[in-house]
Amino acid sequence: MANWRTLNRMRTGVGLTKDNKKKWGLLEGTSTTCECGMEQSMKHILQCPICPYSCTQDDVMNANDNAIDVVWLKPYEPEYDNLLPFM
């Protein structure tokens, strides 16, 4: 269930990324930078260079295997916990 919630957050652009948390006043600290050095936004999460999986917004909208791989990354690969905090 949490994975579908995450997929829907990705679809609507309201995932718990650092840029959204800052906009909503929920970010601890001031940096919106991802571990790769770029701004952590929903668009960035889909294509982050340090993530082993990537997808497009079309993948997310179609809920295809590429999107599912990105969404399911955190539960199965805990070493990426800091990369995908929006789940």
N, C-alpha and C. Protein backbone atom coordinates (compact mmCIF):
# COMPACT_ATOMS: atom_id res chain seq x y z
N MET A 1 0.82 -1.20 0.00
CA MET A 1 0.00 0.00 0.00
C MET A 1 0.86 1.26 0.00
N ALA A 2 1.92 1.27 0.80
CA ALA A 2 2.78 2.45 0.85
C ALA A 2 3.40 2.72 -0.51
N ASN A 3 3.67 1.67 -1.29
CA ASN A 3 4.26 1.87 -2.60
C ASN A 3 3.29 2.56 -3.55
N TRP A 4 2.00 2.24 -3.48
CA TRP A 4 1.02 2.92 -4.32
C TRP A 4 0.86 4.36 -3.87
N ARG A 5 0.94 4.61 -2.58
CA ARG A 5 0.87 5.97 -2.07
C ARG A 5 2.04 6.78 -2.62
N THR A 6 3.24 6.18 -2.60
CA THR A 6 4.42 6.84 -3.12
C THR A 6 4.28 7.10 -4.62
N LEU A 7 3.80 6.13 -5.36
CA LEU A 7 3.60 6.31 -6.79
C LEU A 7 2.62 7.46 -7.06
N ASN A 8 1.55 7.53 -6.31
CA ASN A 8 0.59 8.62 -6.47
C ASN A 8 1.18 9.97 -6.09
N ARG A 9 2.03 9.99 -5.08
CA ARG A 9 2.74 11.24 -4.74
C ARG A 9 3.65 11.66 -5.88
N MET A 10 4.30 10.69 -6.51
CA MET A 10 5.16 11.00 -7.65
C MET A 10 4.32 11.52 -8.81
N ARG A 11 3.17 10.95 -9.03
CA ARG A 11 2.29 11.38 -10.11
C ARG A 11 1.83 12.82 -9.94
N THR A 12 1.53 13.19 -8.72
CA THR A 12 0.97 14.51 -8.45
C THR A 12 2.01 15.55 -8.07
N GLY A 13 3.27 15.13 -7.90
CA GLY A 13 4.33 16.07 -7.58
C GLY A 13 4.37 16.51 -6.13
N VAL A 14 3.73 15.77 -5.24
CA VAL A 14 3.70 16.15 -3.83
C VAL A 14 4.45 15.17 -2.94
N GLY A 15 5.46 14.54 -3.49
CA GLY A 15 6.29 13.64 -2.69
C GLY A 15 7.05 14.43 -1.63
N LEU A 16 7.51 13.73 -0.63
CA LEU A 16 8.22 14.38 0.49
C LEU A 16 9.69 14.61 0.15
N THR A 17 9.94 15.29 -0.95
CA THR A 17 11.30 15.64 -1.33
C THR A 17 11.73 16.88 -0.56
N LYS A 18 13.01 17.14 -0.54
CA LYS A 18 13.51 18.28 0.23
C LYS A 18 12.96 19.61 -0.25
N ASP A 19 12.81 19.78 -1.57
CA ASP A 19 12.26 21.06 -2.04
C ASP A 19 10.81 21.25 -1.61
N ASN A 20 10.01 20.18 -1.63
CA ASN A 20 8.63 20.29 -1.15
C ASN A 20 8.58 20.51 0.36
N LYS A 21 9.41 19.78 1.11
CA LYS A 21 9.43 19.97 2.56
C LYS A 21 9.79 21.41 2.93
N LYS A 22 10.73 22.00 2.18
CA LYS A 22 11.09 23.40 2.45
C LYS A 22 9.90 24.31 2.15
N LYS A 23 9.23 24.08 1.03
CA LYS A 23 8.07 24.89 0.65
C LYS A 23 6.98 24.81 1.71
N TRP A 24 6.81 23.63 2.32
CA TRP A 24 5.76 23.41 3.31
C TRP A 24 6.20 23.71 4.73
N GLY A 25 7.45 24.13 4.92
CA GLY A 25 7.96 24.43 6.26
C GLY A 25 8.25 23.19 7.09
N LEU A 26 8.54 22.07 6.46
CA LEU A 26 8.79 20.81 7.16
C LEU A 26 10.24 20.36 7.13
N LEU A 27 11.10 21.10 6.44
CA LEU A 27 12.49 20.68 6.27
C LEU A 27 13.32 21.02 7.50
N GLU A 28 13.99 20.00 8.03
CA GLU A 28 14.94 20.24 9.12
C GLU A 28 16.23 20.71 8.48
N GLY A 29 16.68 21.90 8.81
CA GLY A 29 17.84 22.49 8.15
C GLY A 29 17.38 23.32 6.96
N THR A 30 18.34 23.73 6.14
CA THR A 30 17.99 24.61 5.03
C THR A 30 18.37 24.06 3.67
N SER A 31 19.14 22.99 3.62
CA SER A 31 19.63 22.48 2.35
C SER A 31 18.59 21.60 1.66
N THR A 32 18.36 21.89 0.39
CA THR A 32 17.47 21.05 -0.42
C THR A 32 18.29 20.20 -1.39
N THR A 33 19.57 20.04 -1.08
CA THR A 33 20.48 19.32 -1.96
C THR A 33 20.42 17.81 -1.72
N CYS A 34 20.34 17.06 -2.79
CA CYS A 34 20.39 15.60 -2.77
C CYS A 34 21.83 15.17 -2.48
N GLU A 35 22.03 13.92 -2.14
CA GLU A 35 23.38 13.41 -1.90
C GLU A 35 24.26 13.49 -3.14
N CYS A 36 23.65 13.58 -4.32
CA CYS A 36 24.43 13.69 -5.56
C CYS A 36 24.87 15.12 -5.82
N GLY A 37 24.36 16.08 -5.05
CA GLY A 37 24.75 17.48 -5.19
C GLY A 37 23.75 18.36 -5.91
N MET A 38 22.70 17.77 -6.46
CA MET A 38 21.69 18.55 -7.18
C MET A 38 20.48 18.79 -6.28
N GLU A 39 19.64 19.76 -6.65
CA GLU A 39 18.42 20.04 -5.91
C GLU A 39 17.53 18.81 -5.91
N GLN A 40 17.04 18.42 -4.75
CA GLN A 40 16.20 17.23 -4.65
C GLN A 40 14.74 17.62 -4.86
N SER A 41 14.26 17.34 -6.06
CA SER A 41 12.87 17.61 -6.43
C SER A 41 12.27 16.30 -6.94
N MET A 42 10.97 16.32 -7.21
CA MET A 42 10.33 15.11 -7.74
C MET A 42 10.94 14.74 -9.10
N LYS A 43 11.15 15.72 -9.95
CA LYS A 43 11.74 15.45 -11.26
C LYS A 43 13.14 14.85 -11.11
N HIS A 44 13.91 15.38 -10.16
CA HIS A 44 15.26 14.88 -9.94
C HIS A 44 15.26 13.44 -9.44
N ILE A 45 14.36 13.12 -8.53
CA ILE A 45 14.29 11.77 -7.96
C ILE A 45 14.14 10.72 -9.06
N LEU A 46 13.40 11.05 -10.10
CA LEU A 46 13.17 10.09 -11.18
C LEU A 46 14.44 9.78 -11.97
N GLN A 47 15.41 10.70 -11.96
CA GLN A 47 16.61 10.56 -12.78
C GLN A 47 17.90 10.74 -12.00
N CYS A 48 17.89 10.66 -10.69
CA CYS A 48 19.09 10.90 -9.87
C CYS A 48 20.23 9.97 -10.31
N PRO A 49 21.42 10.53 -10.56
CA PRO A 49 22.52 9.71 -11.06
C PRO A 49 23.06 8.67 -10.07
N ILE A 50 22.79 8.83 -8.78
CA ILE A 50 23.29 7.83 -7.83
C ILE A 50 22.28 6.73 -7.54
N CYS A 51 21.07 6.87 -8.07
CA CYS A 51 20.04 5.84 -7.91
C CYS A 51 20.25 4.77 -8.98
N PRO A 52 20.19 3.50 -8.61
CA PRO A 52 20.39 2.43 -9.60
C PRO A 52 19.25 2.29 -10.61
N TYR A 53 18.11 2.91 -10.34
CA TYR A 53 16.97 2.85 -11.23
C TYR A 53 16.56 4.27 -11.61
N SER A 54 15.95 4.42 -12.77
CA SER A 54 15.42 5.71 -13.17
C SER A 54 14.16 5.48 -14.00
N CYS A 55 13.38 6.53 -14.14
CA CYS A 55 12.17 6.45 -14.95
C CYS A 55 11.80 7.84 -15.43
N THR A 56 10.80 7.91 -16.29
CA THR A 56 10.29 9.18 -16.78
C THR A 56 8.94 9.47 -16.13
N GLN A 57 8.46 10.69 -16.32
CA GLN A 57 7.13 11.02 -15.81
C GLN A 57 6.07 10.16 -16.50
N ASP A 58 6.28 9.85 -17.78
CA ASP A 58 5.34 8.95 -18.47
C ASP A 58 5.32 7.57 -17.82
N ASP A 59 6.50 7.08 -17.41
CA ASP A 59 6.56 5.79 -16.70
C ASP A 59 5.72 5.85 -15.43
N VAL A 60 5.87 6.95 -14.70
CA VAL A 60 5.12 7.12 -13.44
C VAL A 60 3.62 7.15 -13.73
N MET A 61 3.21 7.91 -14.74
CA MET A 61 1.78 8.01 -15.05
C MET A 61 1.20 6.68 -15.49
N ASN A 62 2.01 5.86 -16.14
CA ASN A 62 1.54 4.54 -16.59
C ASN A 62 1.79 3.43 -15.57
N ALA A 63 2.45 3.77 -14.48
CA ALA A 63 2.76 2.80 -13.42
C ALA A 63 3.44 1.56 -14.00
N ASN A 64 4.39 1.77 -14.90
CA ASN A 64 5.06 0.63 -15.52
C ASN A 64 6.23 0.14 -14.66
N ASP A 65 6.93 -0.87 -15.13
CA ASP A 65 8.00 -1.48 -14.34
C ASP A 65 9.11 -0.51 -13.96
N ASN A 66 9.45 0.42 -14.85
CA ASN A 66 10.49 1.39 -14.50
C ASN A 66 10.09 2.22 -13.29
N ALA A 67 8.86 2.70 -13.28
CA ALA A 67 8.38 3.49 -12.15
C ALA A 67 8.30 2.65 -10.88
N ILE A 68 7.83 1.43 -11.01
CA ILE A 68 7.73 0.54 -9.85
C ILE A 68 9.11 0.27 -9.26
N ASP A 69 10.13 0.10 -10.11
CA ASP A 69 11.49 -0.10 -9.61
C ASP A 69 11.95 1.08 -8.76
N VAL A 70 11.67 2.30 -9.21
CA VAL A 70 12.06 3.48 -8.45
C VAL A 70 11.29 3.55 -7.14
N VAL A 71 9.99 3.31 -7.19
CA VAL A 71 9.14 3.37 -5.99
C VAL A 71 9.52 2.30 -4.98
N TRP A 72 9.85 1.11 -5.45
CA TRP A 72 10.14 -0.01 -4.56
C TRP A 72 11.58 -0.05 -4.11
N LEU A 73 12.39 0.90 -4.51
CA LEU A 73 13.80 0.90 -4.17
C LEU A 73 14.04 0.90 -2.67
N LYS A 74 13.39 1.78 -1.96
CA LYS A 74 13.68 1.92 -0.53
C LYS A 74 13.37 0.67 0.29
N PRO A 75 12.21 0.04 0.14
CA PRO A 75 11.94 -1.12 1.00
C PRO A 75 12.91 -2.28 0.81
N TYR A 76 13.46 -2.41 -0.38
CA TYR A 76 14.31 -3.56 -0.66
C TYR A 76 15.79 -3.26 -0.65
N GLU A 77 16.17 -2.00 -0.69
CA GLU A 77 17.57 -1.64 -0.72
C GLU A 77 17.81 -0.51 0.29
N PRO A 78 17.94 -0.86 1.57
CA PRO A 78 18.01 0.16 2.62
C PRO A 78 19.21 1.09 2.53
N GLU A 79 20.24 0.73 1.76
CA GLU A 79 21.39 1.63 1.64
C GLU A 79 21.02 2.92 0.90
N TYR A 80 19.84 2.96 0.29
CA TYR A 80 19.39 4.16 -0.40
C TYR A 80 18.38 4.96 0.41
N ASP A 81 18.28 4.71 1.71
CA ASP A 81 17.31 5.40 2.56
C ASP A 81 17.38 6.92 2.43
N ASN A 82 18.57 7.48 2.40
CA ASN A 82 18.72 8.93 2.35
C ASN A 82 18.42 9.50 0.98
N LEU A 83 18.50 8.68 -0.05
CA LEU A 83 18.25 9.14 -1.41
C LEU A 83 16.77 9.36 -1.67
N LEU A 84 15.92 8.50 -1.16
CA LEU A 84 14.49 8.58 -1.46
C LEU A 84 13.68 8.80 -0.19
N PRO A 85 13.73 10.00 0.37
CA PRO A 85 13.04 10.26 1.62
C PRO A 85 11.54 10.54 1.45
N PHE A 86 11.05 10.48 0.25
CA PHE A 86 9.66 10.86 0.01
C PHE A 86 8.69 9.72 0.21
N MET A 87 9.14 8.56 0.61
CA MET A 87 8.25 7.41 0.75
C MET A 87 7.62 7.36 2.12
